[in-house]
């Protein structure tokens, strides 16, 4: 015999029992009537409220970049094979080139 889902079990309840269970969710949220957050809880709450990706380094700058199509296909295939994004592949390449170049050398 197939086990009844939670939804089906609720639907099968008498109306009075449904009303009793629903009243539980009509109450104010716990955090509205609870005690104030500790400083550690407040810090965690502030971190959780932030949207978007976490900041890495000094943050990111979106740029427009033209790349030859075949080179882009090869780069995308390599990024996929390594399990990284296209942006991460480009960033790694830039870091590798910048690490090899002396700071005071002129562009070639």
C-alpha atoms as a PDB file:
ATOM      1  CA  UNK A   1       0.000   0.000   0.000  1.00  0.00           C
ATOM      2  CA  UNK A   2       1.338   3.427  -1.002  1.00  0.00           C
ATOM      3  CA  UNK A   3       2.026   5.860   1.848  1.00  0.00           C
ATOM      4  CA  UNK A   4      -0.190   8.950   1.805  1.00  0.00           C
ATOM      5  CA  UNK A   5       1.612  12.237   1.096  1.00  0.00           C
ATOM      6  CA  UNK A   6       1.496  15.011   3.694  1.00  0.00           C
ATOM      7  CA  UNK A   7      -0.805  17.021   1.428  1.00  0.00           C
ATOM      8  CA  UNK A   8      -3.219  14.136   0.944  1.00  0.00           C
ATOM      9  CA  UNK A   9      -3.161  13.440   4.682  1.00  0.00           C
ATOM     10  CA  UNK A  10      -4.040  17.091   5.388  1.00  0.00           C
ATOM     11  CA  UNK A  11      -6.851  17.101   2.819  1.00  0.00           C
ATOM     12  CA  UNK A  12      -8.313  13.960   4.407  1.00  0.00           C
ATOM     13  CA  UNK A  13      -8.595  15.672   7.831  1.00  0.00           C
ATOM     14  CA  UNK A  14     -11.942  16.994   9.079  1.00  0.00           C
ATOM     15  CA  UNK A  15     -12.434  20.742   8.587  1.00  0.00           C
ATOM     16  CA  UNK A  16     -12.138  21.480  12.320  1.00  0.00           C
ATOM     17  CA  UNK A  17      -8.715  19.809  12.494  1.00  0.00           C
ATOM     18  CA  UNK A  18      -7.555  21.698   9.399  1.00  0.00           C
ATOM     19  CA  UNK A  19      -8.603  24.973  11.042  1.00  0.00           C
ATOM     20  CA  UNK A  20      -6.779  24.053  14.260  1.00  0.00           C
ATOM     21  CA  UNK A  21      -3.559  23.275  12.388  1.00  0.00           C
ATOM     22  CA  UNK A  22      -3.763  26.389  10.215  1.00  0.00           C
ATOM     23  CA  UNK A  23      -4.173  28.668  13.261  1.00  0.00           C
ATOM     24  CA  UNK A  24      -0.615  27.703  14.227  1.00  0.00           C
ATOM     25  CA  UNK A  25       0.662  29.501  11.106  1.00  0.00           C
ATOM     26  CA  UNK A  26      -1.480  32.597  11.601  1.00  0.00           C
ATOM     27  CA  UNK A  27       0.596  33.629  14.618  1.00  0.00           C
ATOM     28  CA  UNK A  28       3.339  36.250  14.380  1.00  0.00           C
ATOM     29  CA  UNK A  29       6.740  35.004  13.386  1.00  0.00           C
ATOM     30  CA  UNK A  30       8.960  33.854  16.213  1.00  0.00           C
ATOM     31  CA  UNK A  31      11.646  36.476  15.639  1.00  0.00           C
ATOM     32  CA  UNK A  32       9.090  39.264  16.006  1.00  0.00           C
ATOM     33  CA  UNK A  33       8.264  38.257  19.577  1.00  0.00           C
ATOM     34  CA  UNK A  34      11.571  36.694  20.591  1.00  0.00           C
ATOM     35  CA  UNK A  35      14.446  38.286  22.414  1.00  0.00           C
ATOM     36  CA  UNK A  36      16.983  40.468  20.604  1.00  0.00           C
ATOM     37  CA  UNK A  37      19.750  38.833  18.616  1.00  0.00           C
ATOM     38  CA  UNK A  38      23.194  38.446  20.129  1.00  0.00           C
ATOM     39  CA  UNK A  39      26.065  40.236  18.390  1.00  0.00           C
ATOM     40  CA  UNK A  40      27.142  36.956  16.742  1.00  0.00           C
ATOM     41  CA  UNK A  41      23.589  36.269  15.554  1.00  0.00           C
ATOM     42  CA  UNK A  42      23.270  39.877  14.306  1.00  0.00           C
ATOM     43  CA  UNK A  43      26.511  39.521  12.288  1.00  0.00           C
ATOM     44  CA  UNK A  44      25.275  36.252  10.787  1.00  0.00           C
ATOM     45  CA  UNK A  45      21.923  37.881   9.935  1.00  0.00           C
ATOM     46  CA  UNK A  46      23.655  40.832   8.247  1.00  0.00           C
ATOM     47  CA  UNK A  47      25.821  38.472   6.179  1.00  0.00           C
ATOM     48  CA  UNK A  48      22.764  36.441   5.149  1.00  0.00           C
ATOM     49  CA  UNK A  49      20.870  39.552   3.989  1.00  0.00           C
ATOM     50  CA  UNK A  50      23.466  40.458   1.359  1.00  0.00           C
ATOM     51  CA  UNK A  51      22.527  39.514  -2.167  1.00  0.00           C
ATOM     52  CA  UNK A  52      24.701  38.365  -4.998  1.00  0.00           C
ATOM     53  CA  UNK A  53      27.999  36.598  -5.115  1.00  0.00           C
ATOM     54  CA  UNK A  54      30.477  36.952  -2.291  1.00  0.00           C
ATOM     55  CA  UNK A  55      33.163  39.557  -2.890  1.00  0.00           C
ATOM     56  CA  UNK A  56      36.516  38.135  -3.930  1.00  0.00           C
ATOM     57  CA  UNK A  57      39.536  40.407  -3.587  1.00  0.00           C
ATOM     58  CA  UNK A  58      38.487  43.971  -4.315  1.00  0.00           C
ATOM     59  CA  UNK A  59      35.311  42.894  -6.106  1.00  0.00           C
ATOM     60  CA  UNK A  60      34.651  42.360  -9.807  1.00  0.00           C
ATOM     61  CA  UNK A  61      34.369  44.674 -12.800  1.00  0.00           C
ATOM     62  CA  UNK A  62      32.262  43.608 -15.781  1.00  0.00           C
ATOM     63  CA  UNK A  63      34.036  44.252 -19.081  1.00  0.00           C
ATOM     64  CA  UNK A  64      33.255  43.810 -22.759  1.00  0.00           C
ATOM     65  CA  UNK A  65      35.884  41.747 -24.548  1.00  0.00           C
ATOM     66  CA  UNK A  66      36.133  40.652 -28.183  1.00  0.00           C
ATOM     67  CA  UNK A  67      37.559  37.174 -28.744  1.00  0.00           C
ATOM     68  CA  UNK A  68      37.917  35.242 -31.988  1.00  0.00           C
ATOM     69  CA  UNK A  69      35.116  32.641 -32.140  1.00  0.00           C
ATOM     70  CA  UNK A  70      37.263  29.520 -32.457  1.00  0.00           C
ATOM     71  CA  UNK A  71      39.492  30.665 -29.579  1.00  0.00           C
ATOM     72  CA  UNK A  72      36.371  31.241 -27.485  1.00  0.00           C
ATOM     73  CA  UNK A  73      35.056  27.750 -28.301  1.00  0.00           C
ATOM     74  CA  UNK A  74      38.377  26.226 -27.237  1.00  0.00           C
ATOM     75  CA  UNK A  75      38.440  28.310 -24.061  1.00  0.00           C
ATOM     76  CA  UNK A  76      34.865  27.311 -23.186  1.00  0.00           C
ATOM     77  CA  UNK A  77      35.692  23.638 -23.768  1.00  0.00           C
ATOM     78  CA  UNK A  78      38.737  23.890 -21.495  1.00  0.00           C
ATOM     79  CA  UNK A  79      36.774  25.715 -18.803  1.00  0.00           C
ATOM     80  CA  UNK A  80      34.041  23.074 -18.940  1.00  0.00           C
ATOM     81  CA  UNK A  81      36.589  20.255 -18.761  1.00  0.00           C
ATOM     82  CA  UNK A  82      38.165  21.853 -15.680  1.00  0.00           C
ATOM     83  CA  UNK A  83      34.795  22.614 -14.086  1.00  0.00           C
ATOM     84  CA  UNK A  84      35.320  26.384 -13.948  1.00  0.00           C
ATOM     85  CA  UNK A  85      33.590  29.354 -15.506  1.00  0.00           C
ATOM     86  CA  UNK A  86      34.825  31.229 -18.556  1.00  0.00           C
ATOM     87  CA  UNK A  87      35.546  34.239 -16.340  1.00  0.00           C
ATOM     88  CA  UNK A  88      37.651  32.112 -13.977  1.00  0.00           C
ATOM     89  CA  UNK A  89      39.619  30.688 -16.932  1.00  0.00           C
ATOM     90  CA  UNK A  90      40.353  34.192 -18.234  1.00  0.00           C
ATOM     91  CA  UNK A  91      41.307  35.391 -14.746  1.00  0.00           C
ATOM     92  CA  UNK A  92      43.707  32.462 -14.282  1.00  0.00           C
ATOM     93  CA  UNK A  93      45.282  33.181 -17.659  1.00  0.00           C
ATOM     94  CA  UNK A  94      45.756  36.844 -16.814  1.00  0.00           C
ATOM     95  CA  UNK A  95      47.285  35.958 -13.433  1.00  0.00           C
ATOM     96  CA  UNK A  96      49.694  33.520 -15.083  1.00  0.00           C
ATOM     97  CA  UNK A  97      50.842  36.103 -17.633  1.00  0.00           C
ATOM     98  CA  UNK A  98      51.144  38.883 -15.058  1.00  0.00           C
ATOM     99  CA  UNK A  99      53.155  36.653 -12.724  1.00  0.00           C
ATOM    100  CA  UNK A 100      55.769  36.037 -15.458  1.00  0.00           C
ATOM    101  CA  UNK A 101      56.130  39.655 -16.528  1.00  0.00           C
ATOM    102  CA  UNK A 102      58.493  41.892 -14.511  1.00  0.00           C
ATOM    103  CA  UNK A 103      56.667  44.941 -13.118  1.00  0.00           C
ATOM    104  CA  UNK A 104      58.913  47.477 -14.855  1.00  0.00           C
ATOM    105  CA  UNK A 105      59.058  45.752 -18.278  1.00  0.00           C
ATOM    106  CA  UNK A 106      57.527  47.522 -21.277  1.00  0.00           C
ATOM    107  CA  UNK A 107      54.747  45.895 -23.301  1.00  0.00           C
ATOM    108  CA  UNK A 108      55.945  43.811 -26.214  1.00  0.00           C
END
